[in-house]
Protein backbone atom coordinates (compact mmCIF):
# COMPACT_ATOMS: atom_id res chain seq x y z
CA UNK A 1 31.33 29.67 -42.95
CA UNK A 2 33.24 26.34 -43.08
CA UNK A 3 32.19 23.79 -45.69
CA UNK A 4 29.76 21.36 -44.02
CA UNK A 5 30.85 17.73 -43.88
CA UNK A 6 28.81 14.71 -44.89
CA UNK A 7 26.95 12.64 -42.32
CA UNK A 8 23.72 10.71 -42.58
CA UNK A 9 22.85 11.13 -38.91
CA UNK A 10 24.04 14.61 -37.96
CA UNK A 11 26.62 16.65 -39.85
CA UNK A 12 29.74 17.85 -38.11
CA UNK A 13 32.34 20.58 -38.13
CA UNK A 14 35.77 19.68 -39.50
CA UNK A 15 38.36 19.84 -38.22
CA UNK A 16 37.43 19.65 -34.57
CA UNK A 17 38.28 22.71 -32.54
CA UNK A 18 38.60 23.10 -28.79
CA UNK A 19 37.92 20.04 -26.64
CA UNK A 20 37.43 20.42 -22.91
CA UNK A 21 39.81 18.43 -20.76
CA UNK A 22 38.55 14.98 -19.87
CA UNK A 23 38.10 13.77 -16.34
CA UNK A 24 35.44 14.64 -13.76
CA UNK A 25 33.81 18.04 -14.27
CA UNK A 26 34.51 20.79 -11.76
CA UNK A 27 32.29 20.75 -8.67
CA UNK A 28 28.99 22.52 -9.20
CA UNK A 29 28.29 25.65 -7.18
CA UNK A 30 25.96 24.17 -4.66
CA UNK A 31 24.66 27.61 -3.70
CA UNK A 32 22.88 27.83 -7.05
CA UNK A 33 19.27 26.57 -6.60
CA UNK A 34 18.85 26.13 -10.36
CA UNK A 35 21.88 23.84 -10.46
CA UNK A 36 20.46 21.86 -7.55
CA UNK A 37 17.17 21.40 -9.40
CA UNK A 38 18.97 20.36 -12.59
CA UNK A 39 20.57 17.37 -10.86
CA UNK A 40 17.55 16.15 -8.90
CA UNK A 41 15.30 13.24 -9.67
CA UNK A 42 17.93 11.06 -11.27
CA UNK A 43 17.08 7.36 -11.43
CA UNK A 44 19.44 5.23 -9.38
CA UNK A 45 20.47 1.96 -11.02
CA UNK A 46 22.37 -0.80 -9.24
CA UNK A 47 24.36 -1.68 -12.35
CA UNK A 48 25.63 -5.17 -13.03
CA UNK A 49 26.56 -7.40 -15.95
CA UNK A 50 24.70 -7.24 -19.24
CA UNK A 51 25.12 -8.16 -22.89
CA UNK A 52 26.15 -5.02 -24.75
CA UNK A 53 25.99 -4.50 -28.50
CA UNK A 54 24.31 -6.45 -31.27
CA UNK A 55 24.92 -8.64 -34.28
CA UNK A 56 21.51 -7.74 -35.73
CA UNK A 57 21.56 -8.04 -39.55
CA UNK A 58 19.92 -4.60 -39.68
CA UNK A 59 22.81 -3.11 -37.72
CA UNK A 60 25.95 -1.34 -38.84
CA UNK A 61 29.09 -3.40 -38.07
CA UNK A 62 31.31 -0.51 -39.17
CA UNK A 63 29.88 1.54 -36.31
CA UNK A 64 31.22 -0.93 -33.76
CA UNK A 65 27.80 -2.18 -32.68
CA UNK A 66 29.14 -5.69 -32.30
CA UNK A 67 30.17 -8.20 -31.37
CA UNK A 68 27.80 -8.88 -28.52
CA UNK A 69 29.95 -8.88 -25.39
CA UNK A 70 29.50 -8.92 -21.66
CA UNK A 71 29.85 -5.49 -20.07
CA UNK A 72 29.87 -4.52 -16.41
CA UNK A 73 28.72 -1.22 -14.97
CA UNK A 74 28.77 -0.11 -11.38
CA UNK A 75 25.91 1.61 -9.60
CA UNK A 76 25.12 5.03 -11.07
CA UNK A 77 22.34 7.57 -11.47
CA UNK A 78 20.89 8.83 -14.74
CA UNK A 79 18.25 11.34 -15.76
CA UNK A 80 14.88 9.99 -16.85
CA UNK A 81 14.82 12.52 -19.70
CA UNK A 82 17.16 14.52 -21.85
CA UNK A 83 17.95 18.05 -20.69
CA UNK A 84 15.10 20.33 -21.69
CA UNK A 85 15.14 23.83 -23.11
CA UNK A 86 13.85 25.15 -19.80
CA UNK A 87 16.67 23.49 -17.84
CA UNK A 88 19.30 24.64 -20.31
CA UNK A 89 17.93 28.18 -20.16
CA UNK A 90 18.43 28.14 -16.37
CA UNK A 91 22.03 27.09 -16.89
CA UNK A 92 22.67 29.88 -19.41
CA UNK A 93 21.01 32.45 -17.16
CA UNK A 94 23.14 31.38 -14.19
CA UNK A 95 26.47 31.14 -16.02
CA UNK A 96 26.28 33.29 -19.14
CA UNK A 97 27.40 30.30 -21.20
CA UNK A 98 27.62 30.91 -24.94
CA UNK A 99 27.14 27.74 -26.97
CA UNK A 100 29.51 26.78 -29.74
CA UNK A 101 26.74 27.16 -32.32
CA UNK A 102 26.43 30.78 -31.21
CA UNK A 103 30.19 31.28 -31.29
CA UNK A 104 30.57 29.75 -34.75
CA UNK A 105 27.56 31.69 -36.00
CA UNK A 106 25.75 28.69 -37.49
CA UNK A 107 24.43 25.21 -36.87
CA UNK A 108 22.87 22.42 -38.92
CA UNK A 109 19.10 22.34 -39.52
CA UNK A 110 16.88 20.00 -41.52
CA UNK A 111 15.97 21.76 -44.77
CA UNK A 112 12.28 20.86 -44.42
CA UNK A 113 12.02 23.07 -41.33
CA UNK A 114 13.32 26.19 -43.09
CA UNK A 115 11.47 28.96 -44.85
CA UNK A 116 12.07 28.93 -48.63
CA UNK A 117 14.17 32.10 -48.37
CA UNK A 118 16.35 30.79 -45.55
CA UNK A 119 16.70 27.39 -47.21
CA UNK A 120 17.84 28.97 -50.47
CA UNK A 121 20.70 30.85 -48.85
CA UNK A 122 21.86 28.10 -46.48
CA UNK A 123 24.60 25.75 -47.83
CA UNK A 124 23.65 22.10 -48.21
CA UNK A 125 25.79 19.29 -46.83
CA UNK A 126 27.45 17.30 -49.62
CA UNK A 127 25.78 13.92 -50.02
CA UNK A 128 22.98 14.73 -47.56
CA UNK A 129 21.34 17.90 -48.94
CA UNK A 130 18.50 17.72 -46.43
CA UNK A 131 20.99 19.17 -43.94
CA UNK A 132 21.69 22.90 -44.23
CA UNK A 133 24.27 25.04 -42.45
CA UNK A 134 22.08 27.87 -41.20
CA UNK A 135 23.50 31.17 -40.01
CA UNK A 136 21.98 32.22 -36.72
CA UNK A 137 20.69 28.76 -35.79
CA UNK A 138 21.32 27.78 -32.17
CA UNK A 139 19.43 26.48 -29.15
CA UNK A 140 17.33 29.62 -28.77
CA UNK A 141 16.54 29.69 -32.51
CA UNK A 142 16.34 26.03 -33.49
CA UNK A 143 15.31 26.72 -37.09
CA UNK A 144 17.39 29.85 -37.48
CA UNK A 145 16.40 33.56 -37.46
CA UNK A 146 12.73 34.07 -36.74
CA UNK A 147 12.29 30.77 -34.88
CA UNK A 148 12.05 30.29 -31.11
CA UNK A 149 12.06 27.57 -28.46
CA UNK A 150 9.43 29.41 -26.42
CA UNK A 151 6.68 26.91 -27.20
CA UNK A 152 9.07 24.00 -26.62
CA UNK A 153 10.17 24.54 -23.03
CA UNK A 154 9.69 20.84 -22.24
CA UNK A 155 11.38 19.60 -25.42
CA UNK A 156 15.02 18.47 -25.49
CA UNK A 157 17.50 21.29 -25.95
CA UNK A 158 19.22 20.92 -29.33
CA UNK A 159 22.14 22.57 -31.15
CA UNK A 160 24.37 21.73 -28.18
CA UNK A 161 27.87 20.38 -28.73
CA UNK A 162 29.66 17.83 -26.56
CA UNK A 163 31.61 20.73 -25.07
CA UNK A 164 28.37 22.58 -24.27
CA UNK A 165 26.98 19.45 -22.62
CA UNK A 166 30.11 19.13 -20.49
CA UNK A 167 29.76 22.74 -19.41
CA UNK A 168 26.18 22.09 -18.31
CA UNK A 169 27.34 19.04 -16.37
CA UNK A 170 30.02 21.07 -14.61
CA UNK A 171 27.39 23.58 -13.50
CA UNK A 172 24.88 20.97 -12.34
CA UNK A 173 27.29 18.62 -10.59
CA UNK A 174 26.58 15.82 -13.03
CA UNK A 175 28.42 14.18 -15.94
CA UNK A 176 27.70 12.54 -19.26
CA UNK A 177 27.00 8.80 -19.11
CA UNK A 178 29.56 6.37 -20.48
CA UNK A 179 28.41 4.24 -23.40
CA UNK A 180 28.01 1.09 -21.26
CA UNK A 181 26.01 3.07 -18.69
CA UNK A 182 23.85 4.60 -21.39
CA UNK A 183 23.07 1.26 -23.03
CA UNK A 184 22.46 -0.48 -19.71
CA UNK A 185 19.96 2.25 -18.79
CA UNK A 186 18.41 2.46 -22.27
CA UNK A 187 17.64 -1.27 -22.35
CA UNK A 188 15.43 -0.90 -19.31
CA UNK A 189 16.27 -4.37 -18.03
CA UNK A 190 15.56 -6.18 -21.32
CA UNK A 191 18.57 -8.11 -22.55
CA UNK A 192 19.31 -8.67 -26.21
CA UNK A 193 16.27 -6.78 -27.48
CA UNK A 194 16.31 -4.36 -30.38
CA UNK A 195 14.32 -1.60 -28.66
CA UNK A 196 13.75 -0.57 -25.03
CA UNK A 197 10.33 -2.26 -25.17
CA UNK A 198 11.14 -5.40 -27.18
CA UNK A 199 11.83 -6.42 -30.77
CA UNK A 200 8.81 -4.99 -32.61
CA UNK A 201 8.95 -1.35 -33.66
CA UNK A 202 5.20 -0.86 -33.25
CA UNK A 203 3.76 -3.59 -31.01
CA UNK A 204 0.03 -3.91 -31.65
CA UNK A 205 0.29 -0.86 -33.91
CA UNK A 206 1.35 1.48 -31.08
CA UNK A 207 3.91 4.19 -31.78
CA UNK A 208 6.61 3.91 -29.15
CA UNK A 209 9.13 6.56 -30.21
CA UNK A 210 9.60 9.69 -32.31
CA UNK A 211 11.25 8.80 -35.63
CA UNK A 212 10.61 9.66 -39.29
CA UNK A 213 7.44 8.12 -40.70
CA UNK A 214 6.84 8.27 -44.43
CA UNK A 215 9.12 8.89 -47.39
CA UNK A 216 12.46 10.25 -46.19
CA UNK A 217 13.37 13.07 -46.67
CA UNK A 218 10.41 14.26 -48.74
CA UNK A 219 7.37 13.61 -46.58
CA UNK A 220 6.91 12.90 -42.89
CA UNK A 221 3.41 11.64 -42.13
CA UNK A 222 3.84 12.60 -38.46
CA UNK A 223 2.02 9.39 -37.61
CA UNK A 224 3.76 9.29 -34.22
CA UNK A 225 2.48 12.81 -33.52
CA UNK A 226 5.61 14.83 -34.28
CA UNK A 227 7.56 16.28 -37.20
CA UNK A 228 10.51 17.55 -35.16
CA UNK A 229 11.31 16.98 -31.50
CA UNK A 230 8.73 15.71 -29.04
CA UNK A 231 8.55 16.72 -25.36
CA UNK A 232 11.32 15.03 -23.41
CA UNK A 233 8.75 13.06 -21.39
CA UNK A 234 6.85 11.50 -24.30
CA UNK A 235 5.73 7.95 -25.07
CA UNK A 236 6.03 5.15 -22.53
CA UNK A 237 9.13 5.01 -20.31
CA UNK A 238 11.27 1.90 -20.36
CA UNK A 239 11.63 -0.57 -17.52
CA UNK A 240 13.99 1.77 -15.65
CA UNK A 241 11.67 4.76 -16.00
CA UNK A 242 13.66 6.47 -18.77
CA UNK A 243 11.93 8.29 -21.61
CA UNK A 244 12.93 8.43 -25.28
CA UNK A 245 16.13 6.44 -25.11
CA UNK A 246 15.60 5.82 -28.82
CA UNK A 247 14.36 8.44 -31.27
CA UNK A 248 13.73 12.13 -30.60
CA UNK A 249 17.34 13.37 -30.29
CA UNK A 250 20.81 11.88 -30.43
CA UNK A 251 22.43 11.88 -26.98
CA UNK A 252 26.10 12.65 -26.35
CA UNK A 253 28.06 10.13 -24.29
CA UNK A 254 31.24 10.68 -22.32
CA UNK A 255 33.26 8.32 -24.49
CA UNK A 256 35.29 8.60 -27.65
CA UNK A 257 33.78 6.81 -30.64
CA UNK A 258 37.06 4.97 -31.16
CA UNK A 259 40.49 4.87 -29.58
CA UNK A 260 41.85 7.14 -32.30
CA UNK A 261 40.51 10.55 -33.16
CA UNK A 262 38.61 13.20 -31.23
CA UNK A 263 35.06 12.20 -32.19
CA UNK A 264 32.60 11.45 -29.40
CA UNK A 265 29.97 8.72 -29.46
CA UNK A 266 26.28 9.57 -29.65
CA UNK A 267 23.50 7.14 -28.85
CA UNK A 268 19.78 6.62 -29.40
CA UNK A 269 18.97 7.95 -32.86
CA UNK A 270 16.66 10.89 -33.52
CA UNK A 271 13.39 12.08 -35.01
CA UNK A 272 15.15 12.06 -38.40
CA UNK A 273 16.03 8.35 -38.37
CA UNK A 274 14.25 6.18 -40.95
CA UNK A 275 14.80 2.56 -41.91
CA UNK A 276 15.52 3.53 -45.51
CA UNK A 277 18.89 4.98 -44.60
CA UNK A 278 19.52 5.26 -40.85
CA UNK A 279 17.74 2.78 -38.63
CA UNK A 280 19.89 3.76 -35.68
CA UNK A 281 16.89 4.08 -33.38
CA UNK A 282 17.97 0.87 -31.63
CA UNK A 283 19.55 0.54 -28.20
CA UNK A 284 22.79 -0.92 -29.58
CA UNK A 285 23.18 1.65 -32.36
CA UNK A 286 25.80 4.38 -32.19
CA UNK A 287 27.23 7.15 -34.28
CA UNK A 288 29.82 9.88 -33.87
CA UNK A 289 30.53 13.54 -34.22
CA UNK A 290 33.25 16.03 -33.39
CA UNK A 291 32.97 17.55 -29.90
CA UNK A 292 32.30 21.04 -31.28
CA UNK A 293 29.48 19.96 -33.61
CA UNK A 294 25.80 20.77 -33.17
CA UNK A 295 22.56 20.16 -35.03
CA UNK A 296 18.82 20.30 -34.60
CA UNK A 297 18.67 16.62 -33.62
CA UNK A 298 21.47 16.46 -31.03
CA UNK A 299 20.89 16.76 -27.27
CA UNK A 300 22.03 14.99 -24.10
CA UNK A 301 20.99 13.52 -20.76
CA UNK A 302 23.06 13.61 -17.60
CA UNK A 303 24.29 10.99 -15.17
CA UNK A 304 26.02 11.01 -11.78
CA UNK A 305 27.85 8.72 -9.43
CA UNK A 306 25.74 7.22 -6.65
CA UNK A 307 27.89 8.75 -3.94
CA UNK A 308 27.25 12.36 -5.05
CA UNK A 309 25.24 14.33 -2.55
CA UNK A 310 22.70 15.72 -5.00
CA UNK A 311 19.15 14.64 -4.14
């Protein structure tokens, strides 16, 4: 097993391995009813100009969150939720796809979700020992051998790499959203706000997203109702009808994190984000990972061009 690499948000594999060719994904096989269903019900957005990024003092300038700049996106369509376990299972059944976590034989899992025996034999990530490289962890077994996604059919699929997400998009006739598209959609029509609902994390004491509550990484109070992932359609949707654009799981984007290097940008934060070390559950926040990396807090949502025939 390769030595895990340090990351506060989601550890990655180094060096990166195979990267699928960029450009539009191959046309989906329209004869596949499951693929048709996977691309339905996308929210159509007219696009336009908006202020992207932030100069929030709580932000991370090194991540490229700022400066605030005007961005323009054309009309596009985007899923109201991340891809669920049930939808991903349909894709695997139809195509026989083997995820990279399955091919590598391991993926990264939060230590607090592991049995004592499994935790003891799973290597810790240097600098962030709450992450463990767990043999046999993948989307079907989110916490490794003995675990199952069966009771989480409507939760986001996790342990999927950027390459896996692209393969799903190719099957369903969709694509990953660009970073400007993702942020435009995630803001829900609110400009310059920290969260999809405004600037307060818990307006009037209401929990609006699934993040870590308590003393990270020792104790999660589960005050928002969840220790790990929440169902993909949880909490209140934003102004565009999108659910969980912050918290729950990191979402792959189509874009590189920077002009140099193979790493891809991820947006939205996850259920493991906490203001003591990683308050990236903000609409302008971003992080990165190699395209073959996977973890128990990484998923994706799909997008499509308006002119595609999927309805």
